[in-house]
Every structure is written in C-alpha cells, then in structure tokens.
Amino acid sequence: MMYSDKKSMFEGEWMLGLRHGQGVLTCASGASYRGHWEFDKQTGRGMYTDPSASYHYEGEWKKGT
C-alpha cells in the first residue's frame, strides 16, 4: 500500500493504520529509509540514505533509532 503527503511517501506494509513490515519511506529532500517497520517505527534491519548530506547508514534499528 502507498501513502503520500507533501513531505514524504511511504510504500509498504501496514497493520492497524501503522507502518508495519517491510517498506520504503522517501522524503521530499531525497532522504530515504528502506527496511523493516514495527508499529510505525524503524525496527530491525534497515538502510537510511541522505544524498544531500552524503550520509548512508545500513544496520540494525530499534524503535526509530
């Protein structure tokens, strides 16, 4: 399922109206997170990329951090 507003777009799995499962969040700035979600938070294996800051992180996430 896809959701989009003016600031970001999410394409992935949902449960109870929350991002839950695999998905990709892309922000208007070009930054993106691709990975696992649990109850609307990045949790588990994921990859964050921010091309404007030349930043890339790939690893484990816990409750959004």
PDB file of N, CA and C in Angstrom:
ATOM      1  N   MET A   1       0.837  -1.172   0.000  1.00  0.00           N
ATOM      2  CA  MET A   1       0.000   0.000   0.000  1.00  0.00           C
ATOM      3  C   MET A   1       0.886   1.240   0.000  1.00  0.00           C
ATOM      4  N   MET A   2       0.445   2.277  -0.663  1.00  0.00           N
ATOM      5  CA  MET A   2       1.222   3.509  -0.753  1.00  0.00           C
ATOM      6  C   MET A   2       0.478   4.647  -0.057  1.00  0.00           C
ATOM      7  N   TYR A   3       1.247   5.491   0.637  1.00  0.00           N
ATOM      8  CA  TYR A   3       0.714   6.699   1.258  1.00  0.00           C
ATOM      9  C   TYR A   3       1.648   7.842   0.915  1.00  0.00           C
ATOM     10  N   SER A   4       1.080   8.987   0.568  1.00  0.00           N
ATOM     11  CA  SER A   4       1.910  10.138   0.215  1.00  0.00           C
ATOM     12  C   SER A   4       1.281  11.418   0.753  1.00  0.00           C
ATOM     13  N   ASP A   5       2.126  12.302   1.249  1.00  0.00           N
ATOM     14  CA  ASP A   5       1.704  13.663   1.561  1.00  0.00           C
ATOM     15  C   ASP A   5       2.746  14.591   0.935  1.00  0.00           C
ATOM     16  N   LYS A   6       2.730  15.850   1.227  1.00  0.00           N
ATOM     17  CA  LYS A   6       3.672  16.781   0.586  1.00  0.00           C
ATOM     18  C   LYS A   6       5.096  16.638   1.106  1.00  0.00           C
ATOM     19  N   LYS A   7       5.288  15.976   2.240  1.00  0.00           N
ATOM     20  CA  LYS A   7       6.615  15.862   2.845  1.00  0.00           C
ATOM     21  C   LYS A   7       7.275  14.515   2.597  1.00  0.00           C
ATOM     22  N   SER A   8       6.480  13.458   2.399  1.00  0.00           N
ATOM     23  CA  SER A   8       7.063  12.125   2.256  1.00  0.00           C
ATOM     24  C   SER A   8       6.100  11.168   1.556  1.00  0.00           C
ATOM     25  N   MET A   9       6.668  10.022   1.157  1.00  0.00           N
ATOM     26  CA  MET A   9       5.870   8.968   0.551  1.00  0.00           C
ATOM     27  C   MET A   9       6.309   7.639   1.163  1.00  0.00           C
ATOM     28  N   PHE A  10       5.346   6.827   1.566  1.00  0.00           N
ATOM     29  CA  PHE A  10       5.650   5.502   2.107  1.00  0.00           C
ATOM     30  C   PHE A  10       4.991   4.452   1.236  1.00  0.00           C
ATOM     31  N   GLU A  11       5.773   3.451   0.859  1.00  0.00           N
ATOM     32  CA  GLU A  11       5.235   2.312   0.128  1.00  0.00           C
ATOM     33  C   GLU A  11       5.655   1.056   0.865  1.00  0.00           C
ATOM     34  N   GLY A  12       4.674   0.297   1.323  1.00  0.00           N
ATOM     35  CA  GLY A  12       4.997  -0.909   2.060  1.00  0.00           C
ATOM     36  C   GLY A  12       3.799  -1.483   2.775  1.00  0.00           C
ATOM     37  N   GLU A  13       4.086  -2.239   3.818  1.00  0.00           N
ATOM     38  CA  GLU A  13       3.054  -2.962   4.548  1.00  0.00           C
ATOM     39  C   GLU A  13       2.524  -2.131   5.719  1.00  0.00           C
ATOM     40  N   TRP A  14       1.237  -2.323   6.005  1.00  0.00           N
ATOM     41  CA  TRP A  14       0.553  -1.616   7.082  1.00  0.00           C
ATOM     42  C   TRP A  14      -0.183  -2.613   7.971  1.00  0.00           C
ATOM     43  N   MET A  15      -0.363  -2.243   9.235  1.00  0.00           N
ATOM     44  CA  MET A  15      -1.195  -3.013  10.154  1.00  0.00           C
ATOM     45  C   MET A  15      -1.839  -2.032  11.129  1.00  0.00           C
ATOM     46  N   LEU A  16      -3.139  -2.088  11.253  1.00  0.00           N
ATOM     47  CA  LEU A  16      -3.886  -1.210  12.162  1.00  0.00           C
ATOM     48  C   LEU A  16      -3.610   0.266  11.880  1.00  0.00           C
ATOM     49  N   GLY A  17      -3.412   0.616  10.611  1.00  0.00           N
ATOM     50  CA  GLY A  17      -3.154   2.001  10.231  1.00  0.00           C
ATOM     51  C   GLY A  17      -1.737   2.477  10.485  1.00  0.00           C
ATOM     52  N   LEU A  18      -0.836   1.569  10.857  1.00  0.00           N
ATOM     53  CA  LEU A  18       0.559   1.912  11.139  1.00  0.00           C
ATOM     54  C   LEU A  18       1.479   1.185  10.169  1.00  0.00           C
ATOM     55  N   ARG A  19       2.622   1.798   9.856  1.00  0.00           N
ATOM     56  CA  ARG A  19       3.624   1.120   9.038  1.00  0.00           C
ATOM     57  C   ARG A  19       4.137  -0.074   9.831  1.00  0.00           C
ATOM     58  N   HIS A  20       4.033  -1.262   9.235  1.00  0.00           N
ATOM     59  CA  HIS A  20       4.391  -2.479   9.963  1.00  0.00           C
ATOM     60  C   HIS A  20       4.755  -3.557   8.948  1.00  0.00           C
ATOM     61  N   GLY A  21       6.009  -3.995   8.960  1.00  0.00           N
ATOM     62  CA  GLY A  21       6.512  -4.952   7.972  1.00  0.00           C
ATOM     63  C   GLY A  21       7.588  -4.277   7.134  1.00  0.00           C
ATOM     64  N   GLN A  22       7.733  -4.687   5.903  1.00  0.00           N
ATOM     65  CA  GLN A  22       8.743  -4.095   5.018  1.00  0.00           C
ATOM     66  C   GLN A  22       8.182  -2.854   4.331  1.00  0.00           C
ATOM     67  N   GLY A  23       9.050  -1.849   4.149  1.00  0.00           N
ATOM     68  CA  GLY A  23       8.593  -0.652   3.467  1.00  0.00           C
ATOM     69  C   GLY A  23       9.711   0.316   3.161  1.00  0.00           C
ATOM     70  N   VAL A  24       9.358   1.296   2.316  1.00  0.00           N
ATOM     71  CA  VAL A  24      10.297   2.343   1.915  1.00  0.00           C
ATOM     72  C   VAL A  24       9.645   3.695   2.171  1.00  0.00           C
ATOM     73  N   LEU A  25      10.325   4.543   2.938  1.00  0.00           N
ATOM     74  CA  LEU A  25       9.894   5.914   3.183  1.00  0.00           C
ATOM     75  C   LEU A  25      10.840   6.833   2.430  1.00  0.00           C
ATOM     76  N   THR A  26      10.290   7.676   1.563  1.00  0.00           N
ATOM     77  CA  THR A  26      11.093   8.633   0.810  1.00  0.00           C
ATOM     78  C   THR A  26      10.608  10.038   1.141  1.00  0.00           C
ATOM     79  N   CYS A  27      11.523  10.896   1.585  1.00  0.00           N
ATOM     80  CA  CYS A  27      11.192  12.276   1.951  1.00  0.00           C
ATOM     81  C   CYS A  27      11.377  13.200   0.750  1.00  0.00           C
ATOM     82  N   ALA A  28      10.732  14.355   0.790  1.00  0.00           N
ATOM     83  CA  ALA A  28      10.844  15.332  -0.290  1.00  0.00           C
ATOM     84  C   ALA A  28      12.288  15.775  -0.498  1.00  0.00           C
ATOM     85  N   SER A  29      13.101  15.723   0.540  1.00  0.00           N
ATOM     86  CA  SER A  29      14.515  16.120   0.453  1.00  0.00           C
ATOM     87  C   SER A  29      15.356  15.114  -0.324  1.00  0.00           C
ATOM     88  N   GLY A  30      14.799  13.914  -0.552  1.00  0.00           N
ATOM     89  CA  GLY A  30      15.545  12.852  -1.219  1.00  0.00           C
ATOM     90  C   GLY A  30      16.061  11.801  -0.256  1.00  0.00           C
ATOM     91  N   ALA A  31      16.013  12.087   1.043  1.00  0.00           N
ATOM     92  CA  ALA A  31      16.423  11.099   2.042  1.00  0.00           C
ATOM     93  C   ALA A  31      15.430   9.943   2.036  1.00  0.00           C
ATOM     94  N   SER A  32      15.926   8.744   2.339  1.00  0.00           N
ATOM     95  CA  SER A  32      15.029   7.588   2.340  1.00  0.00           C
ATOM     96  C   SER A  32      15.462   6.550   3.370  1.00  0.00           C
ATOM     97  N   TYR A  33      14.480   5.785   3.821  1.00  0.00           N
ATOM     98  CA  TYR A  33      14.712   4.630   4.685  1.00  0.00           C
ATOM     99  C   TYR A  33      14.055   3.432   4.016  1.00  0.00           C
ATOM    100  N   ARG A  34      14.804   2.354   3.887  1.00  0.00           N
ATOM    101  CA  ARG A  34      14.295   1.112   3.303  1.00  0.00           C
ATOM    102  C   ARG A  34      14.580   0.000   4.294  1.00  0.00           C
ATOM    103  N   GLY A  35      13.514  -0.644   4.769  1.00  0.00           N
ATOM    104  CA  GLY A  35      13.736  -1.721   5.716  1.00  0.00           C
ATOM    105  C   GLY A  35      12.480  -2.126   6.451  1.00  0.00           C
ATOM    106  N   HIS A  36      12.677  -2.614   7.660  1.00  0.00           N
ATOM    107  CA  HIS A  36      11.600  -3.182   8.466  1.00  0.00           C
ATOM    108  C   HIS A  36      11.005  -2.125   9.398  1.00  0.00           C
ATOM    109  N   TRP A  37       9.689  -2.209   9.580  1.00  0.00           N
ATOM    110  CA  TRP A  37       8.947  -1.321  10.468  1.00  0.00           C
ATOM    111  C   TRP A  37       8.158  -2.155  11.467  1.00  0.00           C
ATOM    112  N   GLU A  38       8.035  -1.671  12.696  1.00  0.00           N
ATOM    113  CA  GLU A  38       7.143  -2.261  13.691  1.00  0.00           C
ATOM    114  C   GLU A  38       6.379  -1.132  14.362  1.00  0.00           C
ATOM    115  N   PHE A  39       5.067  -1.165  14.222  1.00  0.00           N
ATOM    116  CA  PHE A  39       4.184  -0.175  14.829  1.00  0.00           C
ATOM    117  C   PHE A  39       4.655   1.256  14.574  1.00  0.00           C
ATOM    118  N   ASP A  40       4.935   1.567  13.299  1.00  0.00           N
ATOM    119  CA  ASP A  40       5.272   2.910  12.813  1.00  0.00           C
ATOM    120  C   ASP A  40       6.691   3.371  13.153  1.00  0.00           C
ATOM    121  N   LYS A  41       7.549   2.476  13.627  1.00  0.00           N
ATOM    122  CA  LYS A  41       8.946   2.825  13.941  1.00  0.00           C
ATOM    123  C   LYS A  41       9.890   1.913  13.173  1.00  0.00           C
ATOM    124  N   GLN A  42      11.023   2.471  12.723  1.00  0.00           N
ATOM    125  CA  GLN A  42      12.045   1.650  12.073  1.00  0.00           C
ATOM    126  C   GLN A  42      12.618   0.707  13.125  1.00  0.00           C
ATOM    127  N   THR A  43      12.498  -0.589  12.883  1.00  0.00           N
ATOM    128  CA  THR A  43      12.978  -1.599  13.820  1.00  0.00           C
ATOM    129  C   THR A  43      13.498  -2.790  13.033  1.00  0.00           C
ATOM    130  N   GLY A  44      14.675  -3.277  13.391  1.00  0.00           N
ATOM    131  CA  GLY A  44      15.270  -4.397  12.671  1.00  0.00           C
ATOM    132  C   GLY A  44      16.225  -3.899  11.599  1.00  0.00           C
ATOM    133  N   ARG A  45      16.442  -4.702  10.588  1.00  0.00           N
ATOM    134  CA  ARG A  45      17.397  -4.374   9.524  1.00  0.00           C
ATOM    135  C   ARG A  45      16.841  -3.262   8.633  1.00  0.00           C
ATOM    136  N   GLY A  46      17.682  -2.235   8.363  1.00  0.00           N
ATOM    137  CA  GLY A  46      17.249  -1.146   7.504  1.00  0.00           C
ATOM    138  C   GLY A  46      18.407  -0.321   6.989  1.00  0.00           C
ATOM    139  N   MET A  47      18.105   0.506   6.000  1.00  0.00           N
ATOM    140  CA  MET A  47      19.122   1.345   5.365  1.00  0.00           C
ATOM    141  C   MET A  47      18.565   2.763   5.215  1.00  0.00           C
ATOM    142  N   TYR A  48      19.322   3.745   5.713  1.00  0.00           N
ATOM    143  CA  TYR A  48      18.957   5.158   5.589  1.00  0.00           C
ATOM    144  C   TYR A  48      19.987   5.843   4.705  1.00  0.00           C
ATOM    145  N   THR A  49      19.509   6.612   3.746  1.00  0.00           N
ATOM    146  CA  THR A  49      20.390   7.350   2.845  1.00  0.00           C
ATOM    147  C   THR A  49      19.909   8.791   2.750  1.00  0.00           C
ATOM    148  N   ASP A  50      20.843   9.734   2.895  1.00  0.00           N
ATOM    149  CA  ASP A  50      20.544  11.153   2.713  1.00  0.00           C
ATOM    150  C   ASP A  50      21.540  11.710   1.708  1.00  0.00           C
ATOM    151  N   PRO A  51      21.150  11.768   0.425  1.00  0.00           N
ATOM    152  CA  PRO A  51      22.091  12.216  -0.599  1.00  0.00           C
ATOM    153  C   PRO A  51      22.534  13.672  -0.436  1.00  0.00           C
ATOM    154  N   SER A  52      21.699  14.526   0.146  1.00  0.00           N
ATOM    155  CA  SER A  52      22.077  15.935   0.300  1.00  0.00           C
ATOM    156  C   SER A  52      23.199  16.108   1.320  1.00  0.00           C
ATOM    157  N   ALA A  53      23.318  15.168   2.259  1.00  0.00           N
ATOM    158  CA  ALA A  53      24.372  15.232   3.272  1.00  0.00           C
ATOM    159  C   ALA A  53      25.456  14.184   3.026  1.00  0.00           C
ATOM    160  N   SER A  54      25.363  13.480   1.915  1.00  0.00           N
ATOM    161  CA  SER A  54      26.303  12.391   1.598  1.00  0.00           C
ATOM    162  C   SER A  54      26.415  11.412   2.769  1.00  0.00           C
ATOM    163  N   TYR A  55      25.264  11.044   3.340  1.00  0.00           N
ATOM    164  CA  TYR A  55      25.229  10.165   4.512  1.00  0.00           C
ATOM    165  C   TYR A  55      24.508   8.868   4.172  1.00  0.00           C
ATOM    166  N   HIS A  56      25.053   7.753   4.676  1.00  0.00           N
ATOM    167  CA  HIS A  56      24.452   6.438   4.448  1.00  0.00           C
ATOM    168  C   HIS A  56      24.677   5.578   5.692  1.00  0.00           C
ATOM    169  N   TYR A  57      23.610   4.948   6.179  1.00  0.00           N
ATOM    170  CA  TYR A  57      23.725   4.011   7.302  1.00  0.00           C
ATOM    171  C   TYR A  57      22.958   2.747   6.953  1.00  0.00           C
ATOM    172  N   GLU A  58      23.586   1.612   7.173  1.00  0.00           N
ATOM    173  CA  GLU A  58      22.916   0.328   6.996  1.00  0.00           C
ATOM    174  C   GLU A  58      23.205  -0.518   8.221  1.00  0.00           C
ATOM    175  N   GLY A  59      22.148  -1.005   8.861  1.00  0.00           N
ATOM    176  CA  GLY A  59      22.340  -1.812  10.057  1.00  0.00           C
ATOM    177  C   GLY A  59      21.048  -2.057  10.791  1.00  0.00           C
ATOM    178  N   GLU A  60      21.164  -2.271  12.096  1.00  0.00           N
ATOM    179  CA  GLU A  60      20.018  -2.579  12.945  1.00  0.00           C
ATOM    180  C   GLU A  60      19.426  -1.304  13.535  1.00  0.00           C
ATOM    181  N   TRP A  61      18.112  -1.253  13.566  1.00  0.00           N
ATOM    182  CA  TRP A  61      17.372  -0.132  14.125  1.00  0.00           C
ATOM    183  C   TRP A  61      16.520  -0.639  15.279  1.00  0.00           C
ATOM    184  N   LYS A  62      16.268   0.234  16.248  1.00  0.00           N
ATOM    185  CA  LYS A  62      15.404  -0.121  17.370  1.00  0.00           C
ATOM    186  C   LYS A  62      14.503   1.061  17.692  1.00  0.00           C
ATOM    187  N   LYS A  63      13.220   0.884  17.494  1.00  0.00           N
ATOM    188  CA  LYS A  63      12.207   1.902  17.794  1.00  0.00           C
ATOM    189  C   LYS A  63      12.536   3.258  17.174  1.00  0.00           C
ATOM    190  N   GLY A  64      12.955   3.256  15.914  1.00  0.00           N
ATOM    191  CA  GLY A  64      13.176   4.501  15.186  1.00  0.00           C
ATOM    192  C   GLY A  64      14.577   5.068  15.255  1.00  0.00           C
ATOM    193  N   THR A  65      15.470   4.455  16.033  1.00  0.00           N
ATOM    194  CA  THR A  65      16.843   4.970  16.114  1.00  0.00           C
ATOM    195  C   THR A  65      17.859   3.884  15.849  1.00  0.00           C
TER     196      THR A  65
END
